[in-house]
Amino acid sequence: MSATLDDNLGRSGFLDILDRHGLTEERVAREIKKLLNAKEVRVFNGRDGIVYSKSLIAWGPRMKGLELLIQARGLRAPEKIEHSGLEGIAERILAGRKRAGIKGGDQ
């Protein structure tokens, strides 16, 4: 059985625990910034032994950092959009066209 934060500690209680363990908002921001600037060095087995690449952009960690930033800023698109009042809209449009004598109202 899974419980939400609101069921147990509440959001502020959970944030207090994170703060006590050094996981403050400032630290989260610094860690996200590190991800957004991540680089990597690749290692290859060449003819003359091990070869190291130059410093490359680490796209995986950068994308994860960007996702975390978007989520933290609340910029993510809503998961579900409510369309209340639109039930049967196609039928209502066709009926209105039929009453008005507009082509497409007889289909």
Protein backbone atom coordinates (compact mmCIF):
# COMPACT_ATOMS: atom_id res chain seq x y z
CA MET A 1 0.00 0.00 0.00
CA SER A 2 1.45 3.36 -1.00
CA ALA A 3 0.71 6.57 0.87
CA THR A 4 1.12 10.14 -0.29
CA LEU A 5 3.11 12.79 1.54
CA ASP A 6 -0.12 14.48 2.62
CA ASP A 7 -1.27 11.24 4.30
CA ASN A 8 1.83 10.95 6.48
CA LEU A 9 4.15 13.87 7.20
CA GLY A 10 2.70 16.52 4.98
CA ARG A 11 4.78 18.40 2.47
CA SER A 12 6.32 20.82 4.97
CA GLY A 13 7.34 17.97 7.29
CA PHE A 14 9.07 16.17 4.45
CA LEU A 15 10.87 19.35 3.37
CA ASP A 16 12.06 19.84 6.97
CA ILE A 17 13.59 16.36 6.93
CA LEU A 18 15.33 17.06 3.60
CA ASP A 19 16.70 20.34 4.99
CA ARG A 20 18.07 18.58 8.09
CA HIS A 21 19.98 16.21 5.81
CA GLY A 22 21.49 19.09 3.81
CA LEU A 23 19.18 18.68 0.82
CA THR A 24 18.10 22.31 0.72
CA GLU A 25 16.63 24.14 -2.25
CA GLU A 26 20.01 25.80 -2.83
CA ARG A 27 21.75 22.42 -2.98
CA VAL A 28 19.15 21.06 -5.38
CA ALA A 29 19.69 24.09 -7.62
CA ARG A 30 23.49 23.58 -7.56
CA GLU A 31 23.14 19.89 -8.43
CA ILE A 32 20.76 20.63 -11.31
CA LYS A 33 23.25 23.23 -12.60
CA LYS A 34 26.00 20.59 -12.52
CA LEU A 35 23.82 18.27 -14.59
CA LEU A 36 23.12 21.03 -17.12
CA ASN A 37 26.89 21.48 -17.62
CA ALA A 38 27.84 17.77 -17.52
CA LYS A 39 30.75 16.52 -19.63
CA GLU A 40 32.24 13.08 -20.06
CA VAL A 41 35.40 11.43 -21.35
CA ARG A 42 35.02 8.23 -23.33
CA VAL A 43 37.55 5.41 -23.17
CA PHE A 44 38.43 3.25 -26.18
CA ASN A 45 40.73 0.30 -26.68
CA GLY A 46 42.98 1.41 -29.54
CA ARG A 47 45.86 -0.32 -31.35
CA ASP A 48 48.39 1.36 -29.09
CA GLY A 49 46.43 0.73 -25.89
CA ILE A 50 43.76 2.70 -24.11
CA VAL A 51 42.71 5.95 -25.79
CA TYR A 52 40.75 8.71 -24.05
CA SER A 53 38.48 11.07 -25.96
CA LYS A 54 38.51 14.80 -25.48
CA SER A 55 35.90 16.15 -23.05
CA LEU A 56 32.47 15.65 -24.63
CA ILE A 57 29.01 16.94 -23.78
CA ALA A 58 27.18 14.35 -21.66
CA TRP A 59 23.73 14.58 -23.22
CA GLY A 60 22.02 12.04 -20.92
CA PRO A 61 22.75 13.88 -17.67
CA ARG A 62 22.04 17.23 -19.32
CA MET A 63 18.60 16.07 -20.45
CA LYS A 64 17.85 14.74 -16.95
CA GLY A 65 18.93 18.09 -15.47
CA LEU A 66 16.68 19.92 -17.91
CA GLU A 67 13.73 17.69 -16.98
CA LEU A 68 14.35 18.36 -13.28
CA LEU A 69 14.60 22.11 -13.91
CA ILE A 70 11.35 22.14 -15.89
CA GLN A 71 9.62 20.19 -13.14
CA ALA A 72 11.03 22.41 -10.36
CA ARG A 73 9.91 25.55 -12.20
CA GLY A 74 6.44 24.11 -12.81
CA LEU A 75 6.76 24.47 -16.57
CA ARG A 76 5.62 20.94 -17.41
CA ALA A 77 2.47 20.63 -19.50
CA PRO A 78 -0.52 19.28 -17.60
CA GLU A 79 -0.90 15.49 -17.62
CA LYS A 80 -4.63 15.70 -18.30
CA ILE A 81 -6.80 18.49 -19.65
CA GLU A 82 -10.45 18.52 -18.66
CA HIS A 83 -12.87 19.10 -21.50
CA SER A 84 -16.10 19.40 -19.57
CA GLY A 85 -19.11 20.57 -21.53
CA LEU A 86 -17.83 19.16 -24.81
CA GLU A 87 -19.72 15.86 -24.61
CA GLY A 88 -21.59 15.24 -27.85
CA ILE A 89 -20.15 18.34 -29.52
CA ALA A 90 -19.81 16.65 -32.92
CA GLU A 91 -23.48 15.66 -32.90
CA ARG A 92 -24.54 19.17 -31.88
CA ILE A 93 -22.49 20.74 -34.67
CA LEU A 94 -23.95 18.38 -37.28
CA ALA A 95 -27.50 19.03 -36.02
CA GLY A 96 -26.92 22.78 -36.20
CA ARG A 97 -25.60 22.49 -39.75
CA LYS A 98 -28.61 20.42 -40.73
CA ARG A 99 -31.02 23.02 -39.27
CA ALA A 100 -29.15 25.79 -41.11
CA GLY A 101 -29.10 23.83 -44.35
CA ILE A 102 -25.29 23.87 -44.49
CA LYS A 103 -23.53 21.10 -46.40
CA GLY A 104 -22.32 18.37 -44.08
CA GLY A 105 -25.36 18.51 -41.83
CA ASP A 106 -26.95 15.50 -43.48
CA GLN A 107 -24.17 13.02 -42.77
